Amino acid sequence: MPTARLDALRDKLRPVPLSPFLPTHQGEKFYVAPGLLAAVSSDEHEAMVSFGALHRGTLTPLLEHGFRWVRFDG
């Protein structure tokens, strides 16, 4: 997705500060909300976002921002 769409996501989630001893070669950033974890990997133009949730209902508010999910393994 275009990185401009990440602004709506960042408004809903809190960043997770990671230990400085963890490798940063992958460049992923992690965000959380109650019952939700998001991993964001991006460059200047595109982003890839993966969500992990405890319950499928936790993903529902993301639908109004255009984030769709195709599989829930819960």
PDB file of N, CA and C in Angstrom:
ATOM      1  N   MET A   1       0.831  -1.164   0.000  1.00  0.00           N
ATOM      2  CA  MET A   1       0.000   0.000   0.000  1.00  0.00           C
ATOM      3  C   MET A   1       0.881   1.234   0.000  1.00  0.00           C
ATOM      4  N   PRO A   2       0.380   2.387  -0.454  1.00  0.00           N
ATOM      5  CA  PRO A   2       1.147   3.625  -0.376  1.00  0.00           C
ATOM      6  C   PRO A   2       1.376   4.027   1.091  1.00  0.00           C
ATOM      7  N   THR A   3       2.530   4.573   1.396  1.00  0.00           N
ATOM      8  CA  THR A   3       2.853   4.932   2.782  1.00  0.00           C
ATOM      9  C   THR A   3       1.939   6.019   3.337  1.00  0.00           C
ATOM     10  N   ALA A   4       1.282   6.804   2.495  1.00  0.00           N
ATOM     11  CA  ALA A   4       0.357   7.850   2.976  1.00  0.00           C
ATOM     12  C   ALA A   4      -0.810   7.246   3.759  1.00  0.00           C
ATOM     13  N   ARG A   5      -1.164   6.008   3.473  1.00  0.00           N
ATOM     14  CA  ARG A   5      -2.277   5.368   4.181  1.00  0.00           C
ATOM     15  C   ARG A   5      -1.909   4.963   5.608  1.00  0.00           C
ATOM     16  N   LEU A   6      -0.640   5.013   5.959  1.00  0.00           N
ATOM     17  CA  LEU A   6      -0.215   4.623   7.304  1.00  0.00           C
ATOM     18  C   LEU A   6      -0.608   5.635   8.368  1.00  0.00           C
ATOM     19  N   ASP A   7      -0.892   6.876   7.996  1.00  0.00           N
ATOM     20  CA  ASP A   7      -1.253   7.895   8.983  1.00  0.00           C
ATOM     21  C   ASP A   7      -2.482   7.498   9.792  1.00  0.00           C
ATOM     22  N   ALA A   8      -3.502   6.972   9.135  1.00  0.00           N
ATOM     23  CA  ALA A   8      -4.708   6.531   9.846  1.00  0.00           C
ATOM     24  C   ALA A   8      -4.391   5.399  10.810  1.00  0.00           C
ATOM     25  N   LEU A   9      -3.490   4.539  10.429  1.00  0.00           N
ATOM     26  CA  LEU A   9      -3.097   3.421  11.281  1.00  0.00           C
ATOM     27  C   LEU A   9      -2.333   3.924  12.502  1.00  0.00           C
ATOM     28  N   ARG A  10      -1.421   4.841  12.307  1.00  0.00           N
ATOM     29  CA  ARG A  10      -0.624   5.362  13.418  1.00  0.00           C
ATOM     30  C   ARG A  10      -1.477   6.129  14.421  1.00  0.00           C
ATOM     31  N   ASP A  11      -2.598   6.691  13.990  1.00  0.00           N
ATOM     32  CA  ASP A  11      -3.497   7.394  14.913  1.00  0.00           C
ATOM     33  C   ASP A  11      -4.182   6.429  15.881  1.00  0.00           C
ATOM     34  N   LYS A  12      -4.385   5.191  15.470  1.00  0.00           N
ATOM     35  CA  LYS A  12      -5.098   4.216  16.286  1.00  0.00           C
ATOM     36  C   LYS A  12      -4.174   3.355  17.158  1.00  0.00           C
ATOM     37  N   LEU A  13      -2.896   3.265  16.793  1.00  0.00           N
ATOM     38  CA  LEU A  13      -1.986   2.362  17.470  1.00  0.00           C
ATOM     39  C   LEU A  13      -0.862   3.120  18.172  1.00  0.00           C
ATOM     40  N   ARG A  14      -0.228   2.436  19.133  1.00  0.00           N
ATOM     41  CA  ARG A  14       0.919   3.002  19.841  1.00  0.00           C
ATOM     42  C   ARG A  14       2.181   2.276  19.406  1.00  0.00           C
ATOM     43  N   PRO A  15       3.285   3.007  19.205  1.00  0.00           N
ATOM     44  CA  PRO A  15       4.534   2.348  18.820  1.00  0.00           C
ATOM     45  C   PRO A  15       5.115   1.529  19.965  1.00  0.00           C
ATOM     46  N   VAL A  16       5.784   0.458  19.613  1.00  0.00           N
ATOM     47  CA  VAL A  16       6.441  -0.403  20.599  1.00  0.00           C
ATOM     48  C   VAL A  16       7.938  -0.099  20.541  1.00  0.00           C
ATOM     49  N   PRO A  17       8.506   0.430  21.628  1.00  0.00           N
ATOM     50  CA  PRO A  17       9.959   0.662  21.617  1.00  0.00           C
ATOM     51  C   PRO A  17      10.688  -0.670  21.797  1.00  0.00           C
ATOM     52  N   LEU A  18      11.557  -0.962  20.875  1.00  0.00           N
ATOM     53  CA  LEU A  18      12.305  -2.216  20.937  1.00  0.00           C
ATOM     54  C   LEU A  18      13.689  -1.979  21.518  1.00  0.00           C
ATOM     55  N   SER A  19      14.249  -2.999  22.059  1.00  0.00           N
ATOM     56  CA  SER A  19      15.580  -2.938  22.646  1.00  0.00           C
ATOM     57  C   SER A  19      16.607  -2.531  21.594  1.00  0.00           C
ATOM     58  N   PRO A  20      17.573  -1.681  21.952  1.00  0.00           N
ATOM     59  CA  PRO A  20      18.610  -1.307  20.981  1.00  0.00           C
ATOM     60  C   PRO A  20      19.527  -2.467  20.619  1.00  0.00           C
ATOM     61  N   PHE A  21      19.406  -3.582  21.341  1.00  0.00           N
ATOM     62  CA  PHE A  21      20.248  -4.730  21.061  1.00  0.00           C
ATOM     63  C   PHE A  21      19.659  -5.647  19.999  1.00  0.00           C
ATOM     64  N   LEU A  22      18.422  -5.374  19.582  1.00  0.00           N
ATOM     65  CA  LEU A  22      17.806  -6.187  18.535  1.00  0.00           C
ATOM     66  C   LEU A  22      18.302  -5.726  17.167  1.00  0.00           C
ATOM     67  N   PRO A  23      18.508  -6.653  16.227  1.00  0.00           N
ATOM     68  CA  PRO A  23      18.974  -6.248  14.894  1.00  0.00           C
ATOM     69  C   PRO A  23      17.908  -5.438  14.162  1.00  0.00           C
ATOM     70  N   THR A  24      18.331  -4.434  13.420  1.00  0.00           N
ATOM     71  CA  THR A  24      17.389  -3.588  12.685  1.00  0.00           C
ATOM     72  C   THR A  24      17.502  -3.781  11.182  1.00  0.00           C
ATOM     73  N   HIS A  25      18.123  -4.872  10.742  1.00  0.00           N
ATOM     74  CA  HIS A  25      18.325  -5.072   9.311  1.00  0.00           C
ATOM     75  C   HIS A  25      17.020  -5.248   8.538  1.00  0.00           C
ATOM     76  N   GLN A  26      15.950  -5.661   9.196  1.00  0.00           N
ATOM     77  CA  GLN A  26      14.675  -5.828   8.499  1.00  0.00           C
ATOM     78  C   GLN A  26      13.877  -4.536   8.455  1.00  0.00           C
ATOM     79  N   GLY A  27      14.122  -3.614   9.353  1.00  0.00           N
ATOM     80  CA  GLY A  27      13.456  -2.324   9.318  1.00  0.00           C
ATOM     81  C   GLY A  27      11.992  -2.364   9.685  1.00  0.00           C
ATOM     82  N   GLU A  28      11.529  -3.390  10.382  1.00  0.00           N
ATOM     83  CA  GLU A  28      10.129  -3.443  10.783  1.00  0.00           C
ATOM     84  C   GLU A  28       9.906  -2.605  12.039  1.00  0.00           C
ATOM     85  N   LYS A  29       8.753  -1.969  12.091  1.00  0.00           N
ATOM     86  CA  LYS A  29       8.332  -1.252  13.285  1.00  0.00           C
ATOM     87  C   LYS A  29       7.060  -1.916  13.774  1.00  0.00           C
ATOM     88  N   PHE A  30       6.890  -1.984  15.079  1.00  0.00           N
ATOM     89  CA  PHE A  30       5.741  -2.648  15.664  1.00  0.00           C
ATOM     90  C   PHE A  30       4.868  -1.633  16.392  1.00  0.00           C
ATOM     91  N   TYR A  31       3.552  -1.841  16.282  1.00  0.00           N
ATOM     92  CA  TYR A  31       2.554  -0.982  16.924  1.00  0.00           C
ATOM     93  C   TYR A  31       1.549  -1.881  17.626  1.00  0.00           C
ATOM     94  N   VAL A  32       0.952  -1.373  18.712  1.00  0.00           N
ATOM     95  CA  VAL A  32      -0.034  -2.153  19.460  1.00  0.00           C
ATOM     96  C   VAL A  32      -1.258  -1.320  19.803  1.00  0.00           C
ATOM     97  N   ALA A  33      -2.341  -2.030  20.050  1.00  0.00           N
ATOM     98  CA  ALA A  33      -3.585  -1.514  20.608  1.00  0.00           C
ATOM     99  C   ALA A  33      -4.157  -2.680  21.405  1.00  0.00           C
ATOM    100  N   PRO A  34      -5.158  -2.451  22.238  1.00  0.00           N
ATOM    101  CA  PRO A  34      -5.712  -3.580  23.000  1.00  0.00           C
ATOM    102  C   PRO A  34      -6.127  -4.734  22.082  1.00  0.00           C
ATOM    103  N   GLY A  35      -5.480  -5.879  22.265  1.00  0.00           N
ATOM    104  CA  GLY A  35      -5.794  -7.072  21.494  1.00  0.00           C
ATOM    105  C   GLY A  35      -5.257  -7.096  20.083  1.00  0.00           C
ATOM    106  N   LEU A  36      -4.379  -6.147  19.724  1.00  0.00           N
ATOM    107  CA  LEU A  36      -3.923  -6.033  18.339  1.00  0.00           C
ATOM    108  C   LEU A  36      -2.429  -5.725  18.293  1.00  0.00           C
ATOM    109  N   LEU A  37      -1.725  -6.374  17.368  1.00  0.00           N
ATOM    110  CA  LEU A  37      -0.315  -6.108  17.100  1.00  0.00           C
ATOM    111  C   LEU A  37      -0.171  -5.891  15.602  1.00  0.00           C
ATOM    112  N   ALA A  38       0.556  -4.858  15.208  1.00  0.00           N
ATOM    113  CA  ALA A  38       0.804  -4.589  13.793  1.00  0.00           C
ATOM    114  C   ALA A  38       2.300  -4.493  13.559  1.00  0.00           C
ATOM    115  N   ALA A  39       2.780  -5.150  12.516  1.00  0.00           N
ATOM    116  CA  ALA A  39       4.170  -5.049  12.078  1.00  0.00           C
ATOM    117  C   ALA A  39       4.168  -4.303  10.754  1.00  0.00           C
ATOM    118  N   VAL A  40       4.937  -3.218  10.682  1.00  0.00           N
ATOM    119  CA  VAL A  40       4.971  -2.377   9.489  1.00  0.00           C
ATOM    120  C   VAL A  40       6.386  -2.368   8.927  1.00  0.00           C
ATOM    121  N   SER A  41       6.507  -2.716   7.684  1.00  0.00           N
ATOM    122  CA  SER A  41       7.773  -2.654   6.966  1.00  0.00           C
ATOM    123  C   SER A  41       7.547  -1.715   5.788  1.00  0.00           C
ATOM    124  N   SER A  42       8.352  -0.644   5.696  1.00  0.00           N
ATOM    125  CA  SER A  42       8.088   0.339   4.643  1.00  0.00           C
ATOM    126  C   SER A  42       9.368   0.995   4.157  1.00  0.00           C
ATOM    127  N   ASP A  43       9.255   1.603   2.981  1.00  0.00           N
ATOM    128  CA  ASP A  43      10.290   2.478   2.470  1.00  0.00           C
ATOM    129  C   ASP A  43       9.626   3.828   2.202  1.00  0.00           C
ATOM    130  N   GLU A  44      10.191   4.648   1.355  1.00  0.00           N
ATOM    131  CA  GLU A  44       9.620   5.977   1.110  1.00  0.00           C
ATOM    132  C   GLU A  44       8.278   5.941   0.381  1.00  0.00           C
ATOM    133  N   HIS A  45       8.012   4.864  -0.361  1.00  0.00           N
ATOM    134  CA  HIS A  45       6.837   4.836  -1.232  1.00  0.00           C
ATOM    135  C   HIS A  45       5.794   3.787  -0.870  1.00  0.00           C
ATOM    136  N   GLU A  46       6.229   2.627  -0.407  1.00  0.00           N
ATOM    137  CA  GLU A  46       5.301   1.527  -0.157  1.00  0.00           C
ATOM    138  C   GLU A  46       5.479   0.963   1.242  1.00  0.00           C
ATOM    139  N   ALA A  47       4.394   0.363   1.733  1.00  0.00           N
ATOM    140  CA  ALA A  47       4.426  -0.263   3.053  1.00  0.00           C
ATOM    141  C   ALA A  47       3.717  -1.607   3.003  1.00  0.00           C
ATOM    142  N   MET A  48       4.185  -2.515   3.843  1.00  0.00           N
ATOM    143  CA  MET A  48       3.546  -3.812   4.024  1.00  0.00           C
ATOM    144  C   MET A  48       3.183  -3.914   5.499  1.00  0.00           C
ATOM    145  N   VAL A  49       1.914  -4.178   5.784  1.00  0.00           N
ATOM    146  CA  VAL A  49       1.440  -4.238   7.166  1.00  0.00           C
ATOM    147  C   VAL A  49       0.861  -5.617   7.442  1.00  0.00           C
ATOM    148  N   SER A  50       1.269  -6.198   8.569  1.00  0.00           N
ATOM    149  CA  SER A  50       0.722  -7.475   9.021  1.00  0.00           C
ATOM    150  C   SER A  50       0.087  -7.249  10.383  1.00  0.00           C
ATOM    151  N   PHE A  51      -1.115  -7.788  10.567  1.00  0.00           N
ATOM    152  CA  PHE A  51      -1.835  -7.637  11.826  1.00  0.00           C
ATOM    153  C   PHE A  51      -1.946  -8.976  12.538  1.00  0.00           C
ATOM    154  N   GLY A  52      -1.834  -8.949  13.843  1.00  0.00           N
ATOM    155  CA  GLY A  52      -2.106 -10.104  14.683  1.00  0.00           C
ATOM    156  C   GLY A  52      -3.148  -9.675  15.708  1.00  0.00           C
ATOM    157  N   ALA A  53      -4.206 -10.457  15.876  1.00  0.00           N
ATOM    158  CA  ALA A  53      -5.289 -10.076  16.776  1.00  0.00           C
ATOM    159  C   ALA A  53      -5.739 -11.270  17.603  1.00  0.00           C
ATOM    160  N   LEU A  54      -6.215 -10.986  18.803  1.00  0.00           N
ATOM    161  CA  LEU A  54      -6.745 -12.033  19.666  1.00  0.00           C
ATOM    162  C   LEU A  54      -8.144 -12.462  19.228  1.00  0.00           C
ATOM    163  N   HIS A  55      -8.891 -11.530  18.653  1.00  0.00           N
ATOM    164  CA  HIS A  55     -10.266 -11.803  18.236  1.00  0.00           C
ATOM    165  C   HIS A  55     -10.533 -11.061  16.935  1.00  0.00           C
ATOM    166  N   ARG A  56     -11.292 -11.648  16.055  1.00  0.00           N
ATOM    167  CA  ARG A  56     -11.576 -11.035  14.752  1.00  0.00           C
ATOM    168  C   ARG A  56     -12.273  -9.682  14.884  1.00  0.00           C
ATOM    169  N   GLY A  57     -13.050  -9.462  15.941  1.00  0.00           N
ATOM    170  CA  GLY A  57     -13.723  -8.189  16.147  1.00  0.00           C
ATOM    171  C   GLY A  57     -12.761  -7.034  16.368  1.00  0.00           C
ATOM    172  N   THR A  58     -11.544  -7.336  16.807  1.00  0.00           N
ATOM    173  CA  THR A  58     -10.531  -6.308  17.004  1.00  0.00           C
ATOM    174  C   THR A  58     -10.129  -5.669  15.681  1.00  0.00           C
ATOM    175  N   LEU A  59     -10.272  -6.388  14.592  1.00  0.00           N
ATOM    176  CA  LEU A  59      -9.894  -5.893  13.274  1.00  0.00           C
ATOM    177  C   LEU A  59     -10.974  -5.018  12.634  1.00  0.00           C
ATOM    178  N   THR A  60     -12.181  -5.056  13.134  1.00  0.00           N
ATOM    179  CA  THR A  60     -13.301  -4.338  12.529  1.00  0.00           C
ATOM    180  C   THR A  60     -13.068  -2.835  12.374  1.00  0.00           C
ATOM    181  N   PRO A  61     -12.541  -2.106  13.384  1.00  0.00           N
ATOM    182  CA  PRO A  61     -12.320  -0.665  13.184  1.00  0.00           C
ATOM    183  C   PRO A  61     -11.338  -0.341  12.059  1.00  0.00           C
ATOM    184  N   LEU A  62     -10.489  -1.269  11.703  1.00  0.00           N
ATOM    185  CA  LEU A  62      -9.539  -1.020  10.623  1.00  0.00           C
ATOM    186  C   LEU A  62     -10.212  -1.004   9.254  1.00  0.00           C
ATOM    187  N   LEU A  63     -11.390  -1.620   9.147  1.00  0.00           N
ATOM    188  CA  LEU A  63     -12.096  -1.662   7.867  1.00  0.00           C
ATOM    189  C   LEU A  63     -12.482  -0.271   7.384  1.00  0.00           C
ATOM    190  N   GLU A  64     -12.831   0.627   8.300  1.00  0.00           N
ATOM    191  CA  GLU A  64     -13.248   1.969   7.889  1.00  0.00           C
ATOM    192  C   GLU A  64     -12.082   2.790   7.333  1.00  0.00           C
ATOM    193  N   HIS A  65     -10.855   2.328   7.518  1.00  0.00           N
ATOM    194  CA  HIS A  65      -9.688   3.009   6.963  1.00  0.00           C
ATOM    195  C   HIS A  65      -9.135   2.287   5.738  1.00  0.00           C
ATOM    196  N   GLY A  66      -9.870   1.317   5.242  1.00  0.00           N
ATOM    197  CA  GLY A  66      -9.465   0.626   4.026  1.00  0.00           C
ATOM    198  C   GLY A  66      -8.511  -0.534   4.222  1.00  0.00           C
ATOM    199  N   PHE A  67      -8.254  -0.928   5.465  1.00  0.00           N
ATOM    200  CA  PHE A  67      -7.412  -2.088   5.722  1.00  0.00           C
ATOM    201  C   PHE A  67      -8.302  -3.319   5.728  1.00  0.00           C
ATOM    202  N   ARG A  68      -8.132  -4.176   4.750  1.00  0.00           N
ATOM    203  CA  ARG A  68      -8.931  -5.383   4.607  1.00  0.00           C
ATOM    204  C   ARG A  68      -8.122  -6.589   5.047  1.00  0.00           C
ATOM    205  N   TRP A  69      -8.801  -7.581   5.554  1.00  0.00           N
ATOM    206  CA  TRP A  69      -8.128  -8.835   5.875  1.00  0.00           C
ATOM    207  C   TRP A  69      -8.857  -9.972   5.187  1.00  0.00           C
ATOM    208  N   VAL A  70      -8.085 -10.968   4.808  1.00  0.00           N
ATOM    209  CA  VAL A  70      -8.647 -12.072   4.028  1.00  0.00           C
ATOM    210  C   VAL A  70      -8.643 -13.380   4.801  1.00  0.00           C
ATOM    211  N   ARG A  71      -7.919 -13.439   5.931  1.00  0.00           N
ATOM    212  CA  ARG A  71      -7.834 -14.679   6.668  1.00  0.00           C
ATOM    213  C   ARG A  71      -7.673 -14.377   8.156  1.00  0.00           C
ATOM    214  N   PHE A  72      -8.418 -15.101   8.956  1.00  0.00           N
ATOM    215  CA  PHE A  72      -8.268 -15.040  10.413  1.00  0.00           C
ATOM    216  C   PHE A  72      -8.066 -16.456  10.910  1.00  0.00           C
ATOM    217  N   ASP A  73      -6.924 -16.697  11.542  1.00  0.00           N
ATOM    218  CA  ASP A  73      -6.578 -18.056  11.974  1.00  0.00           C
ATOM    219  C   ASP A  73      -6.901 -18.324  13.421  1.00  0.00           C
ATOM    220  N   GLY A  74      -7.676 -17.450  14.071  1.00  0.00           N
ATOM    221  CA  GLY A  74      -7.967 -17.587  15.499  1.00  0.00           C
ATOM    222  C   GLY A  74      -8.802 -18.735  15.771  1.00  0.00           C
TER     223      GLY A  74
END
